[in-house]
C-alpha atoms as a PDB file:
ATOM      1  CA  MET A   1      27.986  55.733-131.438  1.00  0.00           C
ATOM      2  CA  PRO A   2      27.813  56.034-127.626  1.00  0.00           C
ATOM      3  CA  ASP A   3      24.835  54.441-125.935  1.00  0.00           C
ATOM      4  CA  ASN A   4      23.016  57.258-124.027  1.00  0.00           C
ATOM      5  CA  ARG A   5      20.133  55.102-122.927  1.00  0.00           C
ATOM      6  CA  GLN A   6      19.311  55.109-119.169  1.00  0.00           C
ATOM      7  CA  PRO A   7      18.627  51.833-117.286  1.00  0.00           C
ATOM      8  CA  ARG A   8      14.895  51.218-117.099  1.00  0.00           C
ATOM      9  CA  ASN A   9      14.777  50.611-113.294  1.00  0.00           C
ATOM     10  CA  ARG A  10      17.007  53.470-112.194  1.00  0.00           C
ATOM     11  CA  GLN A  11      15.159  56.154-110.195  1.00  0.00           C
ATOM     12  CA  PRO A  12      16.250  59.784-110.404  1.00  0.00           C
ATOM     13  CA  SER A  13      18.118  61.092-107.368  1.00  0.00           C
ATOM     14  CA  ILE A  14      15.821  63.765-105.973  1.00  0.00           C
ATOM     15  CA  ARG A  15      15.992  65.405-102.530  1.00  0.00           C
ATOM     16  CA  SER A  16      13.702  68.114-101.240  1.00  0.00           C
ATOM     17  CA  GLY A  17      15.407  71.315-100.216  1.00  0.00           C
ATOM     18  CA  ASN A  18      13.601  71.097 -96.837  1.00  0.00           C
ATOM     19  CA  GLU A  19      14.968  67.638 -95.997  1.00  0.00           C
ATOM     20  CA  PRO A  20      18.279  67.347 -94.156  1.00  0.00           C
ATOM     21  CA  ARG A  21      21.024  65.412 -95.818  1.00  0.00           C
ATOM     22  CA  SER A  22      21.164  61.884 -94.429  1.00  0.00           C
ATOM     23  CA  ALA A  23      24.163  61.051 -92.234  1.00  0.00           C
ATOM     24  CA  PRO A  24      26.723  58.714 -93.753  1.00  0.00           C
ATOM     25  CA  ALA A  25      26.677  55.205 -92.446  1.00  0.00           C
ATOM     26  CA  MET A  26      29.318  54.800 -89.746  1.00  0.00           C
ATOM     27  CA  GLU A  27      29.454  51.024 -89.820  1.00  0.00           C
ATOM     28  CA  PRO A  28      29.202  49.598 -93.345  1.00  0.00           C
ATOM     29  CA  ASP A  29      28.396  45.960 -93.713  1.00  0.00           C
ATOM     30  CA  GLY A  30      31.760  44.465 -92.832  1.00  0.00           C
ATOM     31  CA  ARG A  31      33.774  46.811 -95.079  1.00  0.00           C
ATOM     32  CA  GLY A  32      35.171  50.326 -95.095  1.00  0.00           C
ATOM     33  CA  ALA A  33      37.238  52.466 -92.749  1.00  0.00           C
ATOM     34  CA  TRP A  34      34.624  52.482 -89.958  1.00  0.00           C
ATOM     35  CA  ALA A  35      33.920  48.780 -89.862  1.00  0.00           C
ATOM     36  CA  HIS A  36      35.925  48.148 -86.663  1.00  0.00           C
ATOM     37  CA  SER A  37      35.925  51.629 -85.129  1.00  0.00           C
ATOM     38  CA  ARG A  38      33.586  50.854 -82.254  1.00  0.00           C
ATOM     39  CA  ALA A  39      35.668  47.895 -81.105  1.00  0.00           C
ATOM     40  CA  ALA A  40      38.850  49.950 -81.472  1.00  0.00           C
ATOM     41  CA  LEU A  41      37.388  52.777 -79.391  1.00  0.00           C
ATOM     42  CA  ASP A  42      36.330  50.298 -76.723  1.00  0.00           C
ATOM     43  CA  ARG A  43      39.874  48.973 -76.552  1.00  0.00           C
ATOM     44  CA  LEU A  44      41.276  52.505 -76.407  1.00  0.00           C
ATOM     45  CA  GLU A  45      38.954  53.367 -73.528  1.00  0.00           C
ATOM     46  CA  LYS A  46      40.221  50.350 -71.574  1.00  0.00           C
ATOM     47  CA  LEU A  47      43.826  51.379 -72.187  1.00  0.00           C
ATOM     48  CA  LEU A  48      43.082  54.881 -70.904  1.00  0.00           C
ATOM     49  CA  ARG A  49      41.689  53.592 -67.615  1.00  0.00           C
ATOM     50  CA  CYS A  50      43.780  53.459 -64.446  1.00  0.00           C
ATOM     51  CA  SER A  51      44.625  49.873 -63.540  1.00  0.00           C
ATOM     52  CA  ARG A  52      44.135  50.817 -59.872  1.00  0.00           C
ATOM     53  CA  CYS A  53      40.889  52.851 -59.701  1.00  0.00           C
ATOM     54  CA  THR A  54      39.536  52.008 -63.224  1.00  0.00           C
ATOM     55  CA  ASP A  55      38.663  55.675 -63.890  1.00  0.00           C
ATOM     56  CA  ILE A  56      39.925  57.510 -66.969  1.00  0.00           C
ATOM     57  CA  LEU A  57      43.607  58.324 -66.353  1.00  0.00           C
ATOM     58  CA  ARG A  58      44.488  61.739 -64.971  1.00  0.00           C
ATOM     59  CA  GLN A  59      48.191  62.604 -65.119  1.00  0.00           C
ATOM     60  CA  PRO A  60      49.178  59.010 -66.021  1.00  0.00           C
ATOM     61  CA  VAL A  61      52.442  57.743 -64.563  1.00  0.00           C
ATOM     62  CA  CYS A  62      54.416  54.494 -64.507  1.00  0.00           C
ATOM     63  CA  LEU A  63      56.169  53.129 -61.423  1.00  0.00           C
ATOM     64  CA  GLY A  64      59.064  51.751 -63.447  1.00  0.00           C
ATOM     65  CA  GLY A  65      60.149  48.151 -63.543  1.00  0.00           C
ATOM     66  CA  CYS A  66      56.832  47.214 -65.124  1.00  0.00           C
ATOM     67  CA  GLU A  67      54.472  48.752 -67.677  1.00  0.00           C
ATOM     68  CA  HIS A  68      51.493  49.262 -65.366  1.00  0.00           C
ATOM     69  CA  ILE A  69      50.007  52.749 -65.733  1.00  0.00           C
ATOM     70  CA  PHE A  70      48.315  54.547 -62.838  1.00  0.00           C
ATOM     71  CA  CYS A  71      46.748  57.914 -62.093  1.00  0.00           C
ATOM     72  CA  SER A  72      49.345  60.123 -60.400  1.00  0.00           C
ATOM     73  CA  ASN A  73      46.384  61.552 -56.920  1.00  0.00           C
ATOM     74  CA  ILE A  74      47.279  57.473 -55.682  1.00  0.00           C
ATOM     75  CA  PHE A  75      50.955  58.214 -54.649  1.00  0.00           C
ATOM     76  CA  GLY A  76      51.714  59.206 -51.089  1.00  0.00           C
ATOM     77  CA  LEU A  77      48.103  59.837 -50.049  1.00  0.00           C
ATOM     78  CA  ARG A  78      46.458  58.294 -47.011  1.00  0.00           C
ATOM     79  CA  PRO A  79      42.741  57.756 -46.350  1.00  0.00           C
ATOM     80  CA  VAL A  80      42.767  60.874 -44.158  1.00  0.00           C
ATOM     81  CA  ASP A  81      43.922  62.927 -47.162  1.00  0.00           C
ATOM     82  CA  TYR A  82      40.724  62.141 -49.044  1.00  0.00           C
ATOM     83  CA  THR A  83      38.197  63.472 -46.520  1.00  0.00           C
ATOM     84  CA  ASP A  84      37.141  67.030 -45.607  1.00  0.00           C
ATOM     85  CA  ASP A  85      35.062  65.897 -42.650  1.00  0.00           C
ATOM     86  CA  GLU A  86      36.842  66.805 -39.402  1.00  0.00           C
ATOM     87  CA  SER A  87      35.210  64.044 -37.338  1.00  0.00           C
ATOM     88  CA  MET A  88      36.255  61.466 -39.924  1.00  0.00           C
ATOM     89  CA  LYS A  89      39.791  62.880 -39.924  1.00  0.00           C
ATOM     90  CA  SER A  90      40.014  62.552 -36.143  1.00  0.00           C
ATOM     91  CA  LEU A  91      38.955  58.906 -36.363  1.00  0.00           C
ATOM     92  CA  LEU A  92      41.443  58.123 -39.115  1.00  0.00           C
ATOM     93  CA  LEU A  93      44.277  59.760 -37.162  1.00  0.00           C
ATOM     94  CA  LEU A  94      43.730  57.644 -34.045  1.00  0.00           C
ATOM     95  CA  PRO A  95      46.809  55.523 -33.238  1.00  0.00           C
ATOM     96  CA  GLU A  96      46.565  51.873 -34.150  1.00  0.00           C
ATOM     97  CA  LYS A  97      46.231  49.287 -31.401  1.00  0.00           C
ATOM     98  CA  ASN A  98      49.245  47.142 -30.692  1.00  0.00           C
ATOM     99  CA  GLU A  99      48.356  43.709 -31.994  1.00  0.00           C
ATOM    100  CA  SER A 100      51.755  42.105 -31.427  1.00  0.00           C
ATOM    101  CA  SER A 101      51.717  38.536 -30.200  1.00  0.00           C
ATOM    102  CA  SER A 102      52.237  37.891 -26.483  1.00  0.00           C
ATOM    103  CA  THR A 103      53.990  34.576 -27.105  1.00  0.00           C
ATOM    104  CA  SER A 104      57.716  34.091 -26.704  1.00  0.00           C
ATOM    105  CA  HIS A 105      58.236  33.255 -30.390  1.00  0.00           C
ATOM    106  CA  CYS A 106      60.118  35.719 -32.553  1.00  0.00           C
ATOM    107  CA  SER A 107      58.054  38.247 -34.489  1.00  0.00           C
ATOM    108  CA  VAL A 108      59.793  37.028 -37.602  1.00  0.00           C
ATOM    109  CA  MET A 109      57.537  33.998 -37.384  1.00  0.00           C
ATOM    110  CA  ASN A 110      54.415  36.152 -37.373  1.00  0.00           C
ATOM    111  CA  THR A 111      54.932  38.890 -39.929  1.00  0.00           C
ATOM    112  CA  GLY A 112      54.802  39.412 -43.653  1.00  0.00           C
ATOM    113  CA  GLN A 113      56.748  37.274 -46.053  1.00  0.00           C
ATOM    114  CA  ARG A 114      58.869  35.661 -43.297  1.00  0.00           C
ATOM    115  CA  ARG A 115      56.014  33.937 -41.460  1.00  0.00           C
ATOM    116  CA  ASP A 116      57.434  30.472 -42.079  1.00  0.00           C
ATOM    117  CA  GLY A 117      61.048  31.404 -42.707  1.00  0.00           C
ATOM    118  CA  PRO A 118      64.044  30.500 -40.521  1.00  0.00           C
ATOM    119  CA  LEU A 119      65.714  32.887 -38.115  1.00  0.00           C
ATOM    120  CA  VAL A 120      68.947  34.218 -39.690  1.00  0.00           C
ATOM    121  CA  LEU A 121      71.246  36.455 -37.613  1.00  0.00           C
ATOM    122  CA  ILE A 122      74.191  38.667 -38.522  1.00  0.00           C
ATOM    123  CA  GLY A 123      76.258  41.087 -36.468  1.00  0.00           C
ATOM    124  CA  SER A 124      77.487  44.476 -37.648  1.00  0.00           C
ATOM    125  CA  GLY A 125      80.337  46.247 -35.877  1.00  0.00           C
ATOM    126  CA  LEU A 126      80.332  43.791 -32.955  1.00  0.00           C
ATOM    127  CA  SER A 127      83.371  43.015 -30.825  1.00  0.00           C
ATOM    128  CA  SER A 128      84.789  39.490 -30.749  1.00  0.00           C
ATOM    129  CA  GLU A 129      83.083  38.860 -27.390  1.00  0.00           C
ATOM    130  CA  GLN A 130      79.745  40.076 -28.740  1.00  0.00           C
ATOM    131  CA  GLN A 131      80.140  37.873 -31.818  1.00  0.00           C
ATOM    132  CA  LYS A 132      80.719  34.891 -29.508  1.00  0.00           C
ATOM    133  CA  MET A 133      77.527  35.659 -27.576  1.00  0.00           C
ATOM    134  CA  LEU A 134      75.591  36.000 -30.850  1.00  0.00           C
ATOM    135  CA  SER A 135      76.840  32.540 -31.862  1.00  0.00           C
ATOM    136  CA  GLU A 136      75.642  31.146 -28.525  1.00  0.00           C
ATOM    137  CA  LEU A 137      72.212  32.648 -29.117  1.00  0.00           C
ATOM    138  CA  ALA A 138      72.043  31.170 -32.621  1.00  0.00           C
ATOM    139  CA  ALA A 139      72.695  27.726 -31.128  1.00  0.00           C
ATOM    140  CA  ILE A 140      69.997  28.153 -28.468  1.00  0.00           C
ATOM    141  CA  LEU A 141      67.399  29.405 -30.954  1.00  0.00           C
ATOM    142  CA  LYS A 142      68.473  26.897 -33.616  1.00  0.00           C
ATOM    143  CA  ALA A 143      69.022  29.851 -35.910  1.00  0.00           C
ATOM    144  CA  LYS A 144      71.557  30.420 -38.669  1.00  0.00           C
ATOM    145  CA  LYS A 145      74.365  32.946 -38.147  1.00  0.00           C
ATOM    146  CA  CYS A 146      75.876  34.602 -41.225  1.00  0.00           C
ATOM    147  CA  THR A 147      79.199  36.324 -41.685  1.00  0.00           C
ATOM    148  CA  GLU A 148      78.184  38.052 -44.939  1.00  0.00           C
ATOM    149  CA  PHE A 149      74.816  39.631 -45.672  1.00  0.00           C
ATOM    150  CA  ASP A 150      72.422  37.890 -48.055  1.00  0.00           C
ATOM    151  CA  SER A 151      68.705  37.969 -48.778  1.00  0.00           C
ATOM    152  CA  THR A 152      67.909  35.364 -46.088  1.00  0.00           C
ATOM    153  CA  VAL A 153      69.037  37.570 -43.169  1.00  0.00           C
ATOM    154  CA  THR A 154      66.187  38.475 -40.813  1.00  0.00           C
ATOM    155  CA  HIS A 155      67.972  40.140 -37.856  1.00  0.00           C
ATOM    156  CA  VAL A 156      70.958  42.532 -37.869  1.00  0.00           C
ATOM    157  CA  VAL A 157      72.487  43.149 -34.425  1.00  0.00           C
ATOM    158  CA  VAL A 158      74.490  46.328 -33.754  1.00  0.00           C
ATOM    159  CA  PRO A 159      76.579  47.109 -30.643  1.00  0.00           C
ATOM    160  CA  GLY A 160      74.944  50.357 -29.509  1.00  0.00           C
ATOM    161  CA  ASP A 161      71.698  52.313 -29.638  1.00  0.00           C
ATOM    162  CA  ALA A 162      72.235  53.961 -33.022  1.00  0.00           C
ATOM    163  CA  VAL A 163      72.169  52.773 -36.610  1.00  0.00           C
ATOM    164  CA  GLN A 164      75.545  52.316 -38.301  1.00  0.00           C
ATOM    165  CA  SER A 165      76.647  53.180 -41.830  1.00  0.00           C
ATOM    166  CA  THR A 166      78.270  49.776 -42.355  1.00  0.00           C
ATOM    167  CA  LEU A 167      77.363  47.879 -45.513  1.00  0.00           C
ATOM    168  CA  LYS A 168      75.717  45.055 -43.523  1.00  0.00           C
ATOM    169  CA  CYS A 169      73.564  47.450 -41.548  1.00  0.00           C
ATOM    170  CA  MET A 170      72.499  49.483 -44.576  1.00  0.00           C
ATOM    171  CA  LEU A 171      71.661  46.345 -46.557  1.00  0.00           C
ATOM    172  CA  GLY A 172      69.617  45.201 -43.568  1.00  0.00           C
ATOM    173  CA  ILE A 173      67.679  48.470 -43.575  1.00  0.00           C
ATOM    174  CA  LEU A 174      66.979  48.341 -47.307  1.00  0.00           C
ATOM    175  CA  ASN A 175      65.779  44.741 -47.000  1.00  0.00           C
ATOM    176  CA  GLY A 176      63.407  45.482 -44.120  1.00  0.00           C
ATOM    177  CA  CYS A 177      65.287  43.379 -41.530  1.00  0.00           C
ATOM    178  CA  TRP A 178      65.061  43.815 -37.793  1.00  0.00           C
ATOM    179  CA  ILE A 179      67.916  46.161 -36.791  1.00  0.00           C
ATOM    180  CA  LEU A 180      68.391  45.438 -33.086  1.00  0.00           C
ATOM    181  CA  LYS A 181      70.502  46.660 -30.180  1.00  0.00           C
ATOM    182  CA  PHE A 182      72.861  44.122 -28.648  1.00  0.00           C
ATOM    183  CA  GLU A 183      70.715  44.250 -25.507  1.00  0.00           C
ATOM    184  CA  TRP A 184      68.298  41.968 -27.376  1.00  0.00           C
ATOM    185  CA  VAL A 185      70.970  39.245 -27.505  1.00  0.00           C
ATOM    186  CA  LYS A 186      71.612  39.584 -23.763  1.00  0.00           C
ATOM    187  CA  ALA A 187      67.898  39.418 -22.962  1.00  0.00           C
ATOM    188  CA  CYS A 188      67.448  36.315 -25.100  1.00  0.00           C
ATOM    189  CA  LEU A 189      70.427  34.579 -23.474  1.00  0.00           C
ATOM    190  CA  ARG A 190      69.125  35.328 -19.978  1.00  0.00           C
ATOM    191  CA  ARG A 191      65.762  33.675 -20.639  1.00  0.00           C
ATOM    192  CA  LYS A 192      66.913  31.130 -23.234  1.00  0.00           C
ATOM    193  CA  VAL A 193      64.068  32.206 -25.562  1.00  0.00           C
ATOM    194  CA  CYS A 194      63.617  34.659 -28.428  1.00  0.00           C
ATOM    195  CA  GLU A 195      62.477  37.911 -26.847  1.00  0.00           C
ATOM    196  CA  GLN A 196      60.077  40.228 -28.646  1.00  0.00           C
ATOM    197  CA  GLU A 197      62.127  42.549 -30.859  1.00  0.00           C
ATOM    198  CA  GLU A 198      60.073  45.771 -30.716  1.00  0.00           C
ATOM    199  CA  LYS A 199      61.605  46.878 -27.408  1.00  0.00           C
ATOM    200  CA  TYR A 200      65.136  46.579 -28.837  1.00  0.00           C
ATOM    201  CA  GLU A 201      64.593  47.862 -32.380  1.00  0.00           C
ATOM    202  CA  ILE A 202      66.629  50.845 -33.586  1.00  0.00           C
ATOM    203  CA  PRO A 203      64.003  53.575 -34.227  1.00  0.00           C
ATOM    204  CA  GLU A 204      63.256  55.798 -37.227  1.00  0.00           C
ATOM    205  CA  GLY A 205      64.865  54.502 -40.452  1.00  0.00           C
ATOM    206  CA  PRO A 206      65.076  50.788 -39.551  1.00  0.00           C
ATOM    207  CA  HIS A 207      61.581  50.852 -38.082  1.00  0.00           C
ATOM    208  CA  ARG A 208      60.140  52.571 -41.170  1.00  0.00           C
ATOM    209  CA  SER A 209      61.872  50.095 -43.452  1.00  0.00           C
ATOM    210  CA  ARG A 210      60.582  47.044 -41.578  1.00  0.00           C
ATOM    211  CA  LEU A 211      57.002  48.330 -41.680  1.00  0.00           C
ATOM    212  CA  ASN A 212      57.433  49.128 -45.378  1.00  0.00           C
ATOM    213  CA  ARG A 213      58.370  45.509 -46.064  1.00  0.00           C
ATOM    214  CA  GLU A 214      55.609  44.057 -43.899  1.00  0.00           C
ATOM    215  CA  GLN A 215      53.070  46.170 -45.800  1.00  0.00           C
ATOM    216  CA  LEU A 216      54.531  44.920 -49.116  1.00  0.00           C
ATOM    217  CA  LEU A 217      55.190  48.490 -50.325  1.00  0.00           C
ATOM    218  CA  PRO A 218      57.804  49.340 -52.981  1.00  0.00           C
ATOM    219  CA  LYS A 219      61.442  49.556 -51.953  1.00  0.00           C
ATOM    220  CA  LEU A 220      63.096  52.867 -51.100  1.00  0.00           C
ATOM    221  CA  PHE A 221      64.575  53.602 -54.548  1.00  0.00           C
ATOM    222  CA  ASP A 222      61.702  52.171 -56.597  1.00  0.00           C
ATOM    223  CA  GLY A 223      61.377  54.186 -59.818  1.00  0.00           C
ATOM    224  CA  CYS A 224      64.833  55.797 -59.431  1.00  0.00           C
ATOM    225  CA  TYR A 225      67.939  55.525 -61.633  1.00  0.00           C
ATOM    226  CA  PHE A 226      71.475  56.366 -60.522  1.00  0.00           C
ATOM    227  CA  TYR A 227      74.612  57.298 -62.433  1.00  0.00           C
ATOM    228  CA  LEU A 228      77.768  57.082 -60.295  1.00  0.00           C
ATOM    229  CA  GLY A 229      80.256  59.648 -61.567  1.00  0.00           C
ATOM    230  CA  GLY A 230      83.892  60.039 -60.566  1.00  0.00           C
ATOM    231  CA  THR A 231      85.756  58.071 -57.909  1.00  0.00           C
ATOM    232  CA  PHE A 232      84.352  56.915 -54.576  1.00  0.00           C
ATOM    233  CA  ARG A 233      86.648  56.281 -51.602  1.00  0.00           C
ATOM    234  CA  HIS A 234      84.525  56.749 -48.475  1.00  0.00           C
ATOM    235  CA  HIS A 235      81.914  54.272 -49.721  1.00  0.00           C
ATOM    236  CA  PRO A 236      83.363  52.252 -52.635  1.00  0.00           C
ATOM    237  CA  LYS A 237      81.426  52.221 -55.889  1.00  0.00           C
ATOM    238  CA  ASP A 238      80.799  48.469 -55.614  1.00  0.00           C
ATOM    239  CA  ASN A 239      79.093  49.004 -52.254  1.00  0.00           C
ATOM    240  CA  LEU A 240      76.979  51.844 -53.641  1.00  0.00           C
ATOM    241  CA  ILE A 241      75.859  49.602 -56.508  1.00  0.00           C
ATOM    242  CA  LYS A 242      74.821  46.932 -53.990  1.00  0.00           C
ATOM    243  CA  LEU A 243      72.829  49.523 -52.045  1.00  0.00           C
ATOM    244  CA  VAL A 244      71.089  50.840 -55.170  1.00  0.00           C
ATOM    245  CA  THR A 245      70.120  47.308 -56.193  1.00  0.00           C
ATOM    246  CA  ALA A 246      68.963  46.344 -52.676  1.00  0.00           C
ATOM    247  CA  GLY A 247      66.832  49.493 -52.581  1.00  0.00           C
ATOM    248  CA  GLY A 248      65.024  48.643 -55.825  1.00  0.00           C
ATOM    249  CA  GLY A 249      66.859  51.255 -57.921  1.00  0.00           C
ATOM    250  CA  GLN A 250      68.699  50.815 -61.203  1.00  0.00           C
ATOM    251  CA  ILE A 251      72.231  51.747 -62.271  1.00  0.00           C
ATOM    252  CA  LEU A 252      72.762  53.861 -65.405  1.00  0.00           C
ATOM    253  CA  SER A 253      75.867  53.063 -67.441  1.00  0.00           C
ATOM    254  CA  ARG A 254      75.736  56.446 -69.193  1.00  0.00           C
ATOM    255  CA  LYS A 255      75.347  59.890 -67.713  1.00  0.00           C
ATOM    256  CA  PRO A 256      71.768  61.113 -68.300  1.00  0.00           C
ATOM    257  CA  LYS A 257      71.323  64.212 -70.437  1.00  0.00           C
ATOM    258  CA  PRO A 258      68.967  66.736 -68.802  1.00  0.00           C
ATOM    259  CA  ASP A 259      68.174  68.402 -72.139  1.00  0.00           C
ATOM    260  CA  SER A 260      67.196  65.131 -73.820  1.00  0.00           C
ATOM    261  CA  ASP A 261      63.530  64.786 -74.742  1.00  0.00           C
ATOM    262  CA  VAL A 262      63.805  61.031 -74.248  1.00  0.00           C
ATOM    263  CA  THR A 263      65.089  61.510 -70.696  1.00  0.00           C
ATOM    264  CA  GLN A 264      62.520  64.117 -69.724  1.00  0.00           C
ATOM    265  CA  THR A 265      59.546  62.180 -71.080  1.00  0.00           C
ATOM    266  CA  ILE A 266      60.217  58.973 -69.098  1.00  0.00           C
ATOM    267  CA  ASN A 267      56.868  58.463 -67.397  1.00  0.00           C
ATOM    268  CA  THR A 268      57.909  57.227 -63.947  1.00  0.00           C
ATOM    269  CA  VAL A 269      57.753  58.644 -60.430  1.00  0.00           C
ATOM    270  CA  ALA A 270      59.731  58.067 -57.240  1.00  0.00           C
ATOM    271  CA  TYR A 271      57.322  56.287 -54.908  1.00  0.00           C
ATOM    272  CA  HIS A 272      58.936  57.345 -51.628  1.00  0.00           C
ATOM    273  CA  ALA A 273      59.507  61.011 -52.484  1.00  0.00           C
ATOM    274  CA  ARG A 274      57.339  63.510 -50.655  1.00  0.00           C
ATOM    275  CA  PRO A 275      54.113  64.007 -52.594  1.00  0.00           C
ATOM    276  CA  ASP A 276      54.258  67.812 -52.319  1.00  0.00           C
ATOM    277  CA  SER A 277      57.802  68.052 -53.685  1.00  0.00           C
ATOM    278  CA  ASP A 278      59.048  68.426 -57.252  1.00  0.00           C
ATOM    279  CA  GLN A 279      61.542  65.730 -56.282  1.00  0.00           C
ATOM    280  CA  ARG A 280      58.681  63.278 -56.707  1.00  0.00           C
ATOM    281  CA  PHE A 281      59.107  63.549 -60.477  1.00  0.00           C
ATOM    282  CA  CYS A 282      62.913  63.343 -60.369  1.00  0.00           C
ATOM    283  CA  THR A 283      63.867  59.787 -61.300  1.00  0.00           C
ATOM    284  CA  GLN A 284      67.480  60.081 -62.458  1.00  0.00           C
ATOM    285  CA  TYR A 285      70.291  61.084 -60.089  1.00  0.00           C
ATOM    286  CA  ILE A 286      73.912  61.862 -60.914  1.00  0.00           C
ATOM    287  CA  ILE A 287      75.770  60.798 -57.758  1.00  0.00           C
ATOM    288  CA  TYR A 288      79.249  62.101 -56.933  1.00  0.00           C
ATOM    289  CA  GLU A 289      81.366  61.820 -53.790  1.00  0.00           C
ATOM    290  CA  ASP A 290      81.314  65.177 -52.056  1.00  0.00           C
ATOM    291  CA  LEU A 291      84.516  64.320 -50.122  1.00  0.00           C
ATOM    292  CA  SER A 292      86.531  64.022 -53.346  1.00  0.00           C
ATOM    293  CA  ASN A 293      87.845  66.704 -55.693  1.00  0.00           C
ATOM    294  CA  TYR A 294      85.318  65.751 -58.388  1.00  0.00           C
ATOM    295  CA  HIS A 295      82.407  68.184 -58.425  1.00  0.00           C
ATOM    296  CA  PRO A 296      80.252  68.046 -61.549  1.00  0.00           C
ATOM    297  CA  GLU A 297      78.256  71.015 -62.723  1.00  0.00           C
ATOM    298  CA  ARG A 298      75.037  71.723 -60.884  1.00  0.00           C
ATOM    299  CA  VAL A 299      72.118  69.807 -62.380  1.00  0.00           C
ATOM    300  CA  ARG A 300      68.537  70.252 -61.247  1.00  0.00           C
ATOM    301  CA  GLN A 301      66.417  70.010 -64.346  1.00  0.00           C
ATOM    302  CA  GLY A 302      63.173  68.104 -64.534  1.00  0.00           C
ATOM    303  CA  LYS A 303      63.829  64.387 -64.218  1.00  0.00           C
ATOM    304  CA  VAL A 304      67.602  64.747 -63.682  1.00  0.00           C
ATOM    305  CA  TRP A 305      69.229  66.008 -60.473  1.00  0.00           C
ATOM    306  CA  LYS A 306      72.778  65.989 -59.171  1.00  0.00           C
ATOM    307  CA  ALA A 307      73.285  64.689 -55.614  1.00  0.00           C
ATOM    308  CA  PRO A 308      76.254  63.963 -53.315  1.00  0.00           C
ATOM    309  CA  SER A 309      76.939  60.449 -52.064  1.00  0.00           C
ATOM    310  CA  SER A 310      76.439  61.639 -48.476  1.00  0.00           C
ATOM    311  CA  TRP A 311      72.802  62.435 -49.382  1.00  0.00           C
ATOM    312  CA  PHE A 312      72.401  58.946 -50.802  1.00  0.00           C
ATOM    313  CA  ILE A 313      73.771  57.330 -47.609  1.00  0.00           C
ATOM    314  CA  ASP A 314      71.544  59.532 -45.437  1.00  0.00           C
ATOM    315  CA  CYS A 315      68.531  58.416 -47.476  1.00  0.00           C
ATOM    316  CA  VAL A 316      69.406  54.776 -46.794  1.00  0.00           C
ATOM    317  CA  MET A 317      69.958  55.328 -43.060  1.00  0.00           C
ATOM    318  CA  SER A 318      66.680  57.202 -42.589  1.00  0.00           C
ATOM    319  CA  PHE A 319      64.769  55.150 -45.190  1.00  0.00           C
ATOM    320  CA  GLU A 320      63.511  58.330 -46.845  1.00  0.00           C
ATOM    321  CA  LEU A 321      64.122  60.172 -50.093  1.00  0.00           C
ATOM    322  CA  LEU A 322      65.403  63.260 -48.305  1.00  0.00           C
ATOM    323  CA  PRO A 323      65.040  66.756 -49.821  1.00  0.00           C
ATOM    324  CA  LEU A 324      68.022  68.055 -51.761  1.00  0.00           C
ATOM    325  CA  ASP A 325      69.319  71.548 -51.060  1.00  0.00           C
ATOM    326  CA  SER A 326      68.727  73.821 -54.015  1.00  0.00           C
END
């Protein structure tokens, strides 16, 4: 027969209808589904914080090349963009004082990563006589003169007053080198010292690039990927690959698919794109040579845009991610 006897010490479960039901325990003693929830939530909160401003992420983005996640309102904004006070804006927009050294030493010895580095010269588009004079200057300054561009080059000398689309010159721009008029060589030879470069620097793109390097900002194509489609004759494909790499970009071996969810959900931004442009979120470019007969279908969809090689070269020369015609 079944034993229907109740345990002697067991109390009946009685609850008054006026008493609220007690809340379940959220953290049992070392067991159960909620045992580690608080610690897990703490870790989740840390992961959701911007590694730059430490606030909870808003529109999280990744720069590419690393896995650091940032809020997106940090890209392309200056201190003046954060204030509504007109007097503060006027102060922030005042031009900076020129703090360049008055000594006769080259600026390369006083700026950024090259403070203690040697002086390395290279000529681009120079005549044989100009190359000879550049060699004389290298001997006087005890500098190195290169025939091919490498990462040690600090000064690129061009014959005229304008930037050139030679490979040496463009690599110099992307690497933040001094891009100087040949008049700098003449001035240095006259005085037998290294003249200050600012007076002889090619303006606009080269100047922007040098300041970008001195401020340790990302390279021009940081966060961008490039697929080179078709044939390239005006600027050979090998040269374009060198320029992409020097600019901090990456080469795609396969043509990106605009309708791919994987492609469109890549969480990176182009650092140097204009902050008010949808191009800021375009990170994958299909490059074709506009001087050839190969013209791929128009692509301008989310993260993937089609662009001619002439646009790419213009971006390098001006050190800007230039707008693309729609």
